[in-house]
Amino acid sequence: MSRTQTLSIGQVAATRRAIDFLVLTKPRLVTLVLVTTLVGFYAGSTGRVDLPLLGITILGTALAAAGALALNQYLERELDGRMARTRQRPLPDGRLAPLEALAFGVATTAAGLLILTVLVNPLVGAVEAVTVATYLFLYTPLKTRTSLATIAGAVPGALPPVAGWVAARGGFGAGAAALFAILFLWQLPHFLALAWMYREDYRKAGIIVLPSSDPDGSMTGRQMVTNLLALLPAALLPCLAGIAGAAYFAGALLLSAAFLAFGIAFALKRTQARARRVFLASLAYLPALLALLAVAR
C-alpha cells in the first residue's frame, strides 16, 4: 500500500470519527437551542442588538448544549442500544468508546459554561448550569422511573430563551417568563406525539412514557389537548410582557388555534397518522411563532 493510500485511509477514518463526535452532540437539538436562545436575546435587547455579545452567547450556549447532549448519550448508551431508532448511534454501535464520549462531553460543557460566565455574565452562566444539571441529573434518570419525566425534561428545554434574555439584559423579567411558558408548554404535545408513534420502542427500552401505559390513547389525547389549551393563552403572554403588539397577537392566536385543531383531531381518533400530523405541526408551529415574535418586536 502506497503512502498516499495510507494517508487517504487515515483521513477517511479521521473524518468518520469527527462525524461521530458531531452526531454525539445531536446537531438538530443544538440548532433548536441556539434559535430559541437567539430569540430570547433579540427579544431582551433594548435598542440595537449587541452583535459581539450575541456571538459570544451563541458560542458558549452551543458548546454547553452540545456537551450536555453528548453526556446524555453517554448516560443512555445502554437504553439507546435497545431502541430501533437509536441503536445506530456512535456509542451503542461501538464506533466511539464510552470514555471518549464522557471526556468530550465534560470538556465541551465546561468550556461553554466558562465562556458564558466569564465573557457574558455570571447569571447567564448560572441559568445554563441549571439547564445542564436538570437535563442530565433530573430528566435523564427519571425517564426509566416515571412518565412525569416529560414534565421535568420540559424545564431545561424551556430555559434557552431565558438564557438569551438574561445575556442581553443582565437579569430576568416578564418577557423571559413568557418565553419560558411558551417553550415549556410547546414541548409537552410535541413529545406526546413522538412518544405515541414510538411507544413500543420506548416500552422495550424501559423508558416510561404515557402512551406506553395507555393502550387506546384516550389519556394521551386528553393530556395533549389540555396542554395545547394551556399553550394558546401562553403564546399571547409576550403581548402582556410588552415585547409584542397586535400583529403578533393575531398571528399567535391563529397558529395556536391551528395547532390545537391537530391535537383535537388526534384525541378524537388516535392513529399513527394523526400523531405524526401533531408532531409535524409542532415542528412548524414553534419556528413560525418565534419568527413572528422576532418580526413583531
C-alpha atoms as a PDB file:
ATOM      1  CA  MET A   1       0.000   0.000   0.000  1.00  0.00           C
ATOM      2  CA  SER A   2       1.430   3.386  -1.014  1.00  0.00           C
ATOM      3  CA  ARG A   3       1.956   6.287   1.385  1.00  0.00           C
ATOM      4  CA  THR A   4      -0.784   8.228  -0.452  1.00  0.00           C
ATOM      5  CA  GLN A   5      -3.267   5.392   0.032  1.00  0.00           C
ATOM      6  CA  THR A   6      -2.328   5.125   3.721  1.00  0.00           C
ATOM      7  CA  LEU A   7      -2.875   8.862   4.211  1.00  0.00           C
ATOM      8  CA  SER A   8      -6.187   8.656   2.377  1.00  0.00           C
ATOM      9  CA  ILE A   9      -7.440   5.822   4.596  1.00  0.00           C
ATOM     10  CA  GLY A  10      -6.312   7.742   7.671  1.00  0.00           C
ATOM     11  CA  GLN A  11      -8.113  10.879   6.522  1.00  0.00           C
ATOM     12  CA  VAL A  12     -11.318   8.926   5.906  1.00  0.00           C
ATOM     13  CA  ALA A  13     -11.098   7.347   9.368  1.00  0.00           C
ATOM     14  CA  ALA A  14     -10.472  10.756  10.984  1.00  0.00           C
ATOM     15  CA  THR A  15     -13.414  12.259   9.122  1.00  0.00           C
ATOM     16  CA  ARG A  16     -15.697   9.444  10.230  1.00  0.00           C
ATOM     17  CA  ARG A  17     -14.649   9.938  13.855  1.00  0.00           C
ATOM     18  CA  ALA A  18     -15.261  13.661  13.590  1.00  0.00           C
ATOM     19  CA  ILE A  19     -18.737  12.973  12.206  1.00  0.00           C
ATOM     20  CA  ASP A  20     -19.421  10.531  15.047  1.00  0.00           C
ATOM     21  CA  PHE A  21     -18.467  13.160  17.630  1.00  0.00           C
ATOM     22  CA  LEU A  22     -20.751  15.605  15.834  1.00  0.00           C
ATOM     23  CA  VAL A  23     -23.616  13.073  15.904  1.00  0.00           C
ATOM     24  CA  LEU A  24     -22.965  12.676  19.628  1.00  0.00           C
ATOM     25  CA  THR A  25     -23.997  16.322  20.116  1.00  0.00           C
ATOM     26  CA  LYS A  26     -27.407  15.895  18.397  1.00  0.00           C
ATOM     27  CA  PRO A  27     -26.950  18.852  15.997  1.00  0.00           C
ATOM     28  CA  ARG A  28     -30.684  19.322  15.350  1.00  0.00           C
ATOM     29  CA  LEU A  29     -31.384  19.788  19.047  1.00  0.00           C
ATOM     30  CA  VAL A  30     -28.414  22.144  19.395  1.00  0.00           C
ATOM     31  CA  THR A  31     -29.830  24.160  16.495  1.00  0.00           C
ATOM     32  CA  LEU A  32     -33.194  24.429  18.278  1.00  0.00           C
ATOM     33  CA  VAL A  33     -31.424  25.550  21.463  1.00  0.00           C
ATOM     34  CA  LEU A  34     -29.493  28.206  19.544  1.00  0.00           C
ATOM     35  CA  VAL A  35     -32.572  29.502  17.720  1.00  0.00           C
ATOM     36  CA  THR A  36     -34.543  29.885  20.952  1.00  0.00           C
ATOM     37  CA  THR A  37     -31.528  31.491  22.656  1.00  0.00           C
ATOM     38  CA  LEU A  38     -31.224  33.920  19.748  1.00  0.00           C
ATOM     39  CA  VAL A  39     -34.901  34.854  20.003  1.00  0.00           C
ATOM     40  CA  GLY A  40     -34.566  35.360  23.754  1.00  0.00           C
ATOM     41  CA  PHE A  41     -31.523  37.602  23.229  1.00  0.00           C
ATOM     42  CA  TYR A  42     -33.246  39.587  20.491  1.00  0.00           C
ATOM     43  CA  ALA A  43     -36.459  39.998  22.492  1.00  0.00           C
ATOM     44  CA  GLY A  44     -34.492  41.011  25.567  1.00  0.00           C
ATOM     45  CA  SER A  45     -32.338  43.572  23.794  1.00  0.00           C
ATOM     46  CA  THR A  46     -33.116  47.226  24.366  1.00  0.00           C
ATOM     47  CA  GLY A  47     -32.234  49.323  21.355  1.00  0.00           C
ATOM     48  CA  ARG A  48     -29.746  47.868  18.912  1.00  0.00           C
ATOM     49  CA  VAL A  49     -28.669  44.252  19.314  1.00  0.00           C
ATOM     50  CA  ASP A  50     -25.142  43.885  20.697  1.00  0.00           C
ATOM     51  CA  LEU A  51     -23.786  41.598  17.975  1.00  0.00           C
ATOM     52  CA  PRO A  52     -20.406  40.785  19.603  1.00  0.00           C
ATOM     53  CA  LEU A  53     -22.171  39.836  22.841  1.00  0.00           C
ATOM     54  CA  LEU A  54     -24.702  37.794  20.872  1.00  0.00           C
ATOM     55  CA  GLY A  55     -21.890  35.930  19.123  1.00  0.00           C
ATOM     56  CA  ILE A  56     -20.200  35.039  22.430  1.00  0.00           C
ATOM     57  CA  THR A  57     -23.559  33.955  23.880  1.00  0.00           C
ATOM     58  CA  ILE A  58     -24.260  31.701  20.908  1.00  0.00           C
ATOM     59  CA  LEU A  59     -20.763  30.176  21.083  1.00  0.00           C
ATOM     60  CA  GLY A  60     -20.985  29.436  24.804  1.00  0.00           C
ATOM     61  CA  THR A  61     -24.518  28.089  24.503  1.00  0.00           C
ATOM     62  CA  ALA A  62     -23.596  25.878  21.548  1.00  0.00           C
ATOM     63  CA  LEU A  63     -20.700  24.319  23.461  1.00  0.00           C
ATOM     64  CA  ALA A  64     -22.693  23.815  26.678  1.00  0.00           C
ATOM     65  CA  ALA A  65     -25.666  22.327  24.822  1.00  0.00           C
ATOM     66  CA  ALA A  66     -23.505  20.078  22.640  1.00  0.00           C
ATOM     67  CA  GLY A  67     -21.593  18.821  25.663  1.00  0.00           C
ATOM     68  CA  ALA A  68     -24.749  18.147  27.680  1.00  0.00           C
ATOM     69  CA  LEU A  69     -26.299  16.224  24.799  1.00  0.00           C
ATOM     70  CA  ALA A  70     -23.114  14.181  24.402  1.00  0.00           C
ATOM     71  CA  LEU A  71     -23.194  13.367  28.121  1.00  0.00           C
ATOM     72  CA  ASN A  72     -26.848  12.378  27.773  1.00  0.00           C
ATOM     73  CA  GLN A  73     -25.892   9.876  25.085  1.00  0.00           C
ATOM     74  CA  TYR A  74     -23.106   8.599  27.350  1.00  0.00           C
ATOM     75  CA  LEU A  75     -25.574   8.059  30.208  1.00  0.00           C
ATOM     76  CA  GLU A  76     -28.189   6.451  27.950  1.00  0.00           C
ATOM     77  CA  ARG A  77     -25.925   4.327  25.764  1.00  0.00           C
ATOM     78  CA  GLU A  78     -27.460   1.068  27.000  1.00  0.00           C
ATOM     79  CA  LEU A  79     -31.023   2.317  26.549  1.00  0.00           C
ATOM     80  CA  ASP A  80     -30.178   3.580  23.058  1.00  0.00           C
ATOM     81  CA  GLY A  81     -28.912   0.118  22.178  1.00  0.00           C
ATOM     82  CA  ARG A  82     -32.368  -1.344  22.887  1.00  0.00           C
ATOM     83  CA  MET A  83     -34.290   1.025  20.611  1.00  0.00           C
ATOM     84  CA  ALA A  84     -34.502   0.574  16.858  1.00  0.00           C
ATOM     85  CA  ARG A  85     -34.337   4.293  16.119  1.00  0.00           C
ATOM     86  CA  THR A  86     -31.248   4.916  18.303  1.00  0.00           C
ATOM     87  CA  ARG A  87     -29.180   1.730  18.220  1.00  0.00           C
ATOM     88  CA  GLN A  88     -27.060   3.032  15.324  1.00  0.00           C
ATOM     89  CA  ARG A  89     -25.802   5.987  17.347  1.00  0.00           C
ATOM     90  CA  PRO A  90     -21.991   6.086  17.829  1.00  0.00           C
ATOM     91  CA  LEU A  91     -21.924   4.660  21.381  1.00  0.00           C
ATOM     92  CA  PRO A  92     -24.328   1.692  21.156  1.00  0.00           C
ATOM     93  CA  ASP A  93     -22.903   0.859  17.730  1.00  0.00           C
ATOM     94  CA  GLY A  94     -19.376   0.819  19.177  1.00  0.00           C
ATOM     95  CA  ARG A  95     -17.925   3.485  16.887  1.00  0.00           C
ATOM     96  CA  LEU A  96     -16.898   5.578  19.908  1.00  0.00           C
ATOM     97  CA  ALA A  97     -15.731   4.389  23.317  1.00  0.00           C
ATOM     98  CA  PRO A  98     -17.753   5.490  26.373  1.00  0.00           C
ATOM     99  CA  LEU A  99     -14.727   7.209  27.968  1.00  0.00           C
ATOM    100  CA  GLU A 100     -14.161   9.207  24.788  1.00  0.00           C
ATOM    101  CA  ALA A 101     -17.761  10.444  24.897  1.00  0.00           C
ATOM    102  CA  LEU A 102     -17.515  11.233  28.612  1.00  0.00           C
ATOM    103  CA  ALA A 103     -14.301  13.235  28.232  1.00  0.00           C
ATOM    104  CA  PHE A 104     -15.633  15.069  25.184  1.00  0.00           C
ATOM    105  CA  GLY A 105     -18.928  15.899  26.891  1.00  0.00           C
ATOM    106  CA  VAL A 106     -17.356  17.150  30.126  1.00  0.00           C
ATOM    107  CA  ALA A 107     -14.758  19.282  28.339  1.00  0.00           C
ATOM    108  CA  THR A 108     -17.246  20.799  25.896  1.00  0.00           C
ATOM    109  CA  THR A 109     -19.838  21.554  28.571  1.00  0.00           C
ATOM    110  CA  ALA A 110     -17.246  23.108  30.878  1.00  0.00           C
ATOM    111  CA  ALA A 111     -15.903  25.291  28.069  1.00  0.00           C
ATOM    112  CA  GLY A 112     -19.390  26.568  27.255  1.00  0.00           C
ATOM    113  CA  LEU A 113     -20.252  27.348  30.876  1.00  0.00           C
ATOM    114  CA  LEU A 114     -16.920  29.116  31.370  1.00  0.00           C
ATOM    115  CA  ILE A 115     -17.423  31.304  28.283  1.00  0.00           C
ATOM    116  CA  LEU A 116     -20.936  32.300  29.351  1.00  0.00           C
ATOM    117  CA  THR A 117     -19.954  33.005  32.959  1.00  0.00           C
ATOM    118  CA  VAL A 118     -16.777  34.987  32.268  1.00  0.00           C
ATOM    119  CA  LEU A 119     -17.421  36.657  28.912  1.00  0.00           C
ATOM    120  CA  VAL A 120     -21.199  37.275  29.111  1.00  0.00           C
ATOM    121  CA  ASN A 121     -22.312  37.459  32.753  1.00  0.00           C
ATOM    122  CA  PRO A 122     -22.409  35.125  35.779  1.00  0.00           C
ATOM    123  CA  LEU A 123     -26.215  34.970  35.801  1.00  0.00           C
ATOM    124  CA  VAL A 124     -26.461  33.551  32.294  1.00  0.00           C
ATOM    125  CA  GLY A 125     -23.763  31.058  33.256  1.00  0.00           C
ATOM    126  CA  ALA A 126     -25.922  30.037  36.218  1.00  0.00           C
ATOM    127  CA  VAL A 127     -29.015  29.652  34.010  1.00  0.00           C
ATOM    128  CA  GLU A 128     -27.059  27.447  31.622  1.00  0.00           C
ATOM    129  CA  ALA A 129     -25.670  25.404  34.514  1.00  0.00           C
ATOM    130  CA  VAL A 130     -29.210  24.797  35.794  1.00  0.00           C
ATOM    131  CA  THR A 131     -30.223  23.774  32.264  1.00  0.00           C
ATOM    132  CA  VAL A 132     -27.411  21.224  32.053  1.00  0.00           C
ATOM    133  CA  ALA A 133     -27.964  19.911  35.593  1.00  0.00           C
ATOM    134  CA  THR A 134     -31.731  19.425  35.263  1.00  0.00           C
ATOM    135  CA  TYR A 135     -31.306  17.754  31.876  1.00  0.00           C
ATOM    136  CA  LEU A 136     -28.628  15.295  32.994  1.00  0.00           C
ATOM    137  CA  PHE A 137     -29.442  14.678  36.638  1.00  0.00           C
ATOM    138  CA  LEU A 138     -33.215  15.129  36.797  1.00  0.00           C
ATOM    139  CA  TYR A 139     -34.769  14.367  33.421  1.00  0.00           C
ATOM    140  CA  THR A 140     -32.384  11.631  32.271  1.00  0.00           C
ATOM    141  CA  PRO A 141     -32.627   9.340  35.353  1.00  0.00           C
ATOM    142  CA  LEU A 142     -36.393   9.892  35.679  1.00  0.00           C
ATOM    143  CA  LYS A 143     -37.073   8.554  32.168  1.00  0.00           C
ATOM    144  CA  THR A 144     -36.908   4.955  33.396  1.00  0.00           C
ATOM    145  CA  ARG A 145     -38.885   5.679  36.566  1.00  0.00           C
ATOM    146  CA  THR A 146     -41.943   7.765  35.730  1.00  0.00           C
ATOM    147  CA  SER A 147     -43.806   9.323  32.819  1.00  0.00           C
ATOM    148  CA  LEU A 148     -43.565  12.621  34.734  1.00  0.00           C
ATOM    149  CA  ALA A 149     -40.023  12.791  33.373  1.00  0.00           C
ATOM    150  CA  THR A 150     -41.591  14.514  30.355  1.00  0.00           C
ATOM    151  CA  ILE A 151     -42.556  17.456  32.562  1.00  0.00           C
ATOM    152  CA  ALA A 152     -39.117  17.514  34.198  1.00  0.00           C
ATOM    153  CA  GLY A 153     -37.492  17.457  30.761  1.00  0.00           C
ATOM    154  CA  ALA A 154     -39.553  20.420  29.629  1.00  0.00           C
ATOM    155  CA  VAL A 155     -37.770  22.623  32.181  1.00  0.00           C
ATOM    156  CA  PRO A 156     -34.267  22.517  30.623  1.00  0.00           C
ATOM    157  CA  GLY A 157     -35.924  22.626  27.216  1.00  0.00           C
ATOM    158  CA  ALA A 158     -37.612  25.932  28.110  1.00  0.00           C
ATOM    159  CA  LEU A 159     -34.569  27.665  29.619  1.00  0.00           C
ATOM    160  CA  PRO A 160     -32.529  28.565  26.471  1.00  0.00           C
ATOM    161  CA  PRO A 161     -34.640  31.653  25.591  1.00  0.00           C
ATOM    162  CA  VAL A 162     -34.393  32.705  29.239  1.00  0.00           C
ATOM    163  CA  ALA A 163     -30.603  32.442  28.976  1.00  0.00           C
ATOM    164  CA  GLY A 164     -30.711  34.565  25.829  1.00  0.00           C
ATOM    165  CA  TRP A 165     -32.835  37.186  27.572  1.00  0.00           C
ATOM    166  CA  VAL A 166     -30.528  37.258  30.613  1.00  0.00           C
ATOM    167  CA  ALA A 167     -27.474  37.546  28.360  1.00  0.00           C
ATOM    168  CA  ALA A 168     -28.954  40.634  26.707  1.00  0.00           C
ATOM    169  CA  ARG A 169     -30.439  42.332  29.784  1.00  0.00           C
ATOM    170  CA  GLY A 170     -28.343  41.040  32.637  1.00  0.00           C
ATOM    171  CA  GLY A 171     -31.437  39.985  34.570  1.00  0.00           C
ATOM    172  CA  PHE A 172     -34.861  38.348  34.412  1.00  0.00           C
ATOM    173  CA  GLY A 173     -38.194  39.921  33.513  1.00  0.00           C
ATOM    174  CA  ALA A 174     -41.755  39.315  32.360  1.00  0.00           C
ATOM    175  CA  GLY A 175     -40.549  38.672  28.828  1.00  0.00           C
ATOM    176  CA  ALA A 176     -38.259  35.879  29.991  1.00  0.00           C
ATOM    177  CA  ALA A 177     -41.152  34.290  31.901  1.00  0.00           C
ATOM    178  CA  ALA A 178     -43.385  34.477  28.812  1.00  0.00           C
ATOM    179  CA  LEU A 179     -40.773  32.783  26.636  1.00  0.00           C
ATOM    180  CA  PHE A 180     -40.245  30.075  29.247  1.00  0.00           C
ATOM    181  CA  ALA A 181     -44.004  29.373  29.406  1.00  0.00           C
ATOM    182  CA  ILE A 182     -44.276  29.053  25.616  1.00  0.00           C
ATOM    183  CA  LEU A 183     -41.319  26.669  25.288  1.00  0.00           C
ATOM    184  CA  PHE A 184     -42.380  24.628  28.316  1.00  0.00           C
ATOM    185  CA  LEU A 185     -45.940  24.049  27.112  1.00  0.00           C
ATOM    186  CA  TRP A 186     -44.952  23.507  23.455  1.00  0.00           C
ATOM    187  CA  GLN A 187     -42.717  20.569  24.363  1.00  0.00           C
ATOM    188  CA  LEU A 188     -45.481  18.523  26.007  1.00  0.00           C
ATOM    189  CA  PRO A 189     -47.748  17.862  22.969  1.00  0.00           C
ATOM    190  CA  HIS A 190     -44.634  17.680  20.789  1.00  0.00           C
ATOM    191  CA  PHE A 191     -43.216  14.844  22.882  1.00  0.00           C
ATOM    192  CA  LEU A 192     -46.561  13.096  23.444  1.00  0.00           C
ATOM    193  CA  ALA A 193     -46.993  12.808  19.678  1.00  0.00           C
ATOM    194  CA  LEU A 194     -43.467  11.424  19.299  1.00  0.00           C
ATOM    195  CA  ALA A 195     -43.956   9.023  22.219  1.00  0.00           C
ATOM    196  CA  TRP A 196     -47.205   7.748  20.711  1.00  0.00           C
ATOM    197  CA  MET A 197     -45.505   6.998  17.393  1.00  0.00           C
ATOM    198  CA  TYR A 198     -42.632   5.128  19.090  1.00  0.00           C
ATOM    199  CA  ARG A 199     -44.463   3.832  22.180  1.00  0.00           C
ATOM    200  CA  GLU A 200     -43.442   0.191  21.587  1.00  0.00           C
ATOM    201  CA  ASP A 201     -39.824   1.186  21.092  1.00  0.00           C
ATOM    202  CA  TYR A 202     -39.866   3.138  24.355  1.00  0.00           C
ATOM    203  CA  ARG A 203     -41.544   0.242  26.186  1.00  0.00           C
ATOM    204  CA  LYS A 204     -38.911  -2.261  25.006  1.00  0.00           C
ATOM    205  CA  ALA A 205     -36.145   0.098  26.116  1.00  0.00           C
ATOM    206  CA  GLY A 206     -37.672   0.527  29.574  1.00  0.00           C
ATOM    207  CA  ILE A 207     -38.360   4.237  29.122  1.00  0.00           C
ATOM    208  CA  ILE A 208     -41.661   5.144  30.758  1.00  0.00           C
ATOM    209  CA  VAL A 209     -43.878   7.420  28.687  1.00  0.00           C
ATOM    210  CA  LEU A 210     -47.606   7.999  28.992  1.00  0.00           C
ATOM    211  CA  PRO A 211     -48.565   6.336  25.665  1.00  0.00           C
ATOM    212  CA  SER A 212     -46.854   3.076  26.697  1.00  0.00           C
ATOM    213  CA  SER A 213     -49.354   2.598  29.533  1.00  0.00           C
ATOM    214  CA  ASP A 214     -52.316   3.998  27.605  1.00  0.00           C
ATOM    215  CA  PRO A 215     -53.310   1.291  25.068  1.00  0.00           C
ATOM    216  CA  ASP A 216     -56.207   3.114  23.427  1.00  0.00           C
ATOM    217  CA  GLY A 217     -54.566   6.538  23.630  1.00  0.00           C
ATOM    218  CA  SER A 218     -57.523   8.250  25.282  1.00  0.00           C
ATOM    219  CA  MET A 219     -55.465   9.608  28.181  1.00  0.00           C
ATOM    220  CA  THR A 220     -52.701  10.690  25.807  1.00  0.00           C
ATOM    221  CA  GLY A 221     -55.234  12.538  23.683  1.00  0.00           C
ATOM    222  CA  ARG A 222     -56.779  14.313  26.675  1.00  0.00           C
ATOM    223  CA  GLN A 223     -53.381  15.323  28.007  1.00  0.00           C
ATOM    224  CA  MET A 224     -52.334  16.607  24.604  1.00  0.00           C
ATOM    225  CA  VAL A 225     -55.452  18.754  24.224  1.00  0.00           C
ATOM    226  CA  THR A 226     -55.107  20.066  27.788  1.00  0.00           C
ATOM    227  CA  ASN A 227     -51.531  21.156  27.114  1.00  0.00           C
ATOM    228  CA  LEU A 228     -52.496  22.783  23.823  1.00  0.00           C
ATOM    229  CA  LEU A 229     -55.340  24.665  25.515  1.00  0.00           C
ATOM    230  CA  ALA A 230     -52.809  25.991  28.035  1.00  0.00           C
ATOM    231  CA  LEU A 231     -50.365  26.881  25.248  1.00  0.00           C
ATOM    232  CA  LEU A 232     -52.915  29.088  23.481  1.00  0.00           C
ATOM    233  CA  PRO A 233     -53.052  31.840  26.166  1.00  0.00           C
ATOM    234  CA  ALA A 234     -49.364  31.324  26.996  1.00  0.00           C
ATOM    235  CA  ALA A 235     -48.481  32.165  23.388  1.00  0.00           C
ATOM    236  CA  LEU A 236     -50.147  35.567  23.901  1.00  0.00           C
ATOM    237  CA  LEU A 237     -48.116  36.436  27.013  1.00  0.00           C
ATOM    238  CA  PRO A 238     -45.430  38.379  25.067  1.00  0.00           C
ATOM    239  CA  CYS A 239     -48.122  40.991  24.418  1.00  0.00           C
ATOM    240  CA  LEU A 240     -48.748  41.382  28.153  1.00  0.00           C
ATOM    241  CA  ALA A 241     -44.995  41.482  28.744  1.00  0.00           C
ATOM    242  CA  GLY A 242     -44.704  44.397  26.335  1.00  0.00           C
ATOM    243  CA  ILE A 243     -42.420  42.735  23.804  1.00  0.00           C
ATOM    244  CA  ALA A 244     -45.022  42.220  21.054  1.00  0.00           C
ATOM    245  CA  GLY A 245     -48.089  44.009  19.713  1.00  0.00           C
ATOM    246  CA  ALA A 246     -51.356  43.439  17.885  1.00  0.00           C
ATOM    247  CA  ALA A 247     -49.841  41.782  14.806  1.00  0.00           C
ATOM    248  CA  TYR A 248     -48.144  39.158  16.967  1.00  0.00           C
ATOM    249  CA  PHE A 249     -51.342  38.661  18.993  1.00  0.00           C
ATOM    250  CA  ALA A 250     -53.363  37.862  15.867  1.00  0.00           C
ATOM    251  CA  GLY A 251     -50.703  35.594  14.370  1.00  0.00           C
ATOM    252  CA  ALA A 252     -50.043  33.731  17.626  1.00  0.00           C
ATOM    253  CA  LEU A 253     -53.765  33.198  18.168  1.00  0.00           C
ATOM    254  CA  LEU A 254     -54.162  31.760  14.673  1.00  0.00           C
ATOM    255  CA  LEU A 255     -51.110  29.499  14.920  1.00  0.00           C
ATOM    256  CA  SER A 256     -52.076  28.207  18.362  1.00  0.00           C
ATOM    257  CA  ALA A 257     -55.660  27.516  17.276  1.00  0.00           C
ATOM    258  CA  ALA A 258     -54.393  25.536  14.270  1.00  0.00           C
ATOM    259  CA  PHE A 259     -52.009  23.539  16.488  1.00  0.00           C
ATOM    260  CA  LEU A 260     -54.896  22.854  18.878  1.00  0.00           C
ATOM    261  CA  ALA A 261     -57.028  21.596  15.989  1.00  0.00           C
ATOM    262  CA  PHE A 262     -54.411  18.938  15.159  1.00  0.00           C
ATOM    263  CA  GLY A 263     -54.383  17.863  18.804  1.00  0.00           C
ATOM    264  CA  ILE A 264     -58.180  17.610  18.935  1.00  0.00           C
ATOM    265  CA  ALA A 265     -58.172  15.538  15.739  1.00  0.00           C
ATOM    266  CA  PHE A 266     -55.745  13.087  17.365  1.00  0.00           C
ATOM    267  CA  ALA A 267     -57.796  12.939  20.577  1.00  0.00           C
ATOM    268  CA  LEU A 268     -60.914  12.060  18.580  1.00  0.00           C
ATOM    269  CA  LYS A 269     -59.192   9.319  16.589  1.00  0.00           C
ATOM    270  CA  ARG A 270     -55.847   8.077  17.903  1.00  0.00           C
ATOM    271  CA  THR A 271     -53.958   6.838  14.861  1.00  0.00           C
ATOM    272  CA  GLN A 272     -50.306   6.795  13.886  1.00  0.00           C
ATOM    273  CA  ALA A 273     -51.017   9.165  11.003  1.00  0.00           C
ATOM    274  CA  ARG A 274     -52.737  11.733  13.230  1.00  0.00           C
ATOM    275  CA  ALA A 275     -49.976  11.536  15.825  1.00  0.00           C
ATOM    276  CA  ARG A 276     -47.462  12.229  13.076  1.00  0.00           C
ATOM    277  CA  ARG A 277     -49.504  15.252  11.968  1.00  0.00           C
ATOM    278  CA  VAL A 278     -49.411  16.644  15.507  1.00  0.00           C
ATOM    279  CA  PHE A 279     -45.649  16.092  15.603  1.00  0.00           C
ATOM    280  CA  LEU A 280     -45.125  17.812  12.236  1.00  0.00           C
ATOM    281  CA  ALA A 281     -47.471  20.634  13.290  1.00  0.00           C
ATOM    282  CA  SER A 282     -45.341  21.141  16.407  1.00  0.00           C
ATOM    283  CA  LEU A 283     -42.220  21.397  14.249  1.00  0.00           C
ATOM    284  CA  ALA A 284     -43.892  24.060  12.113  1.00  0.00           C
ATOM    285  CA  TYR A 285     -45.540  25.917  15.000  1.00  0.00           C
ATOM    286  CA  LEU A 286     -42.517  26.868  17.076  1.00  0.00           C
ATOM    287  CA  PRO A 287     -40.307  28.443  14.372  1.00  0.00           C
ATOM    288  CA  ALA A 288     -43.344  30.243  12.931  1.00  0.00           C
ATOM    289  CA  LEU A 289     -44.256  31.678  16.341  1.00  0.00           C
ATOM    290  CA  LEU A 290     -40.689  32.680  17.133  1.00  0.00           C
ATOM    291  CA  ALA A 291     -40.253  34.280  13.705  1.00  0.00           C
ATOM    292  CA  LEU A 292     -43.470  36.218  14.271  1.00  0.00           C
ATOM    293  CA  LEU A 293     -42.208  37.377  17.650  1.00  0.00           C
ATOM    294  CA  ALA A 294     -38.892  38.496  16.170  1.00  0.00           C
ATOM    295  CA  VAL A 295     -40.613  40.450  13.383  1.00  0.00           C
ATOM    296  CA  ALA A 296     -43.153  41.990  15.745  1.00  0.00           C
ATOM    297  CA  ARG A 297     -40.605  43.029  18.390  1.00  0.00           C
END
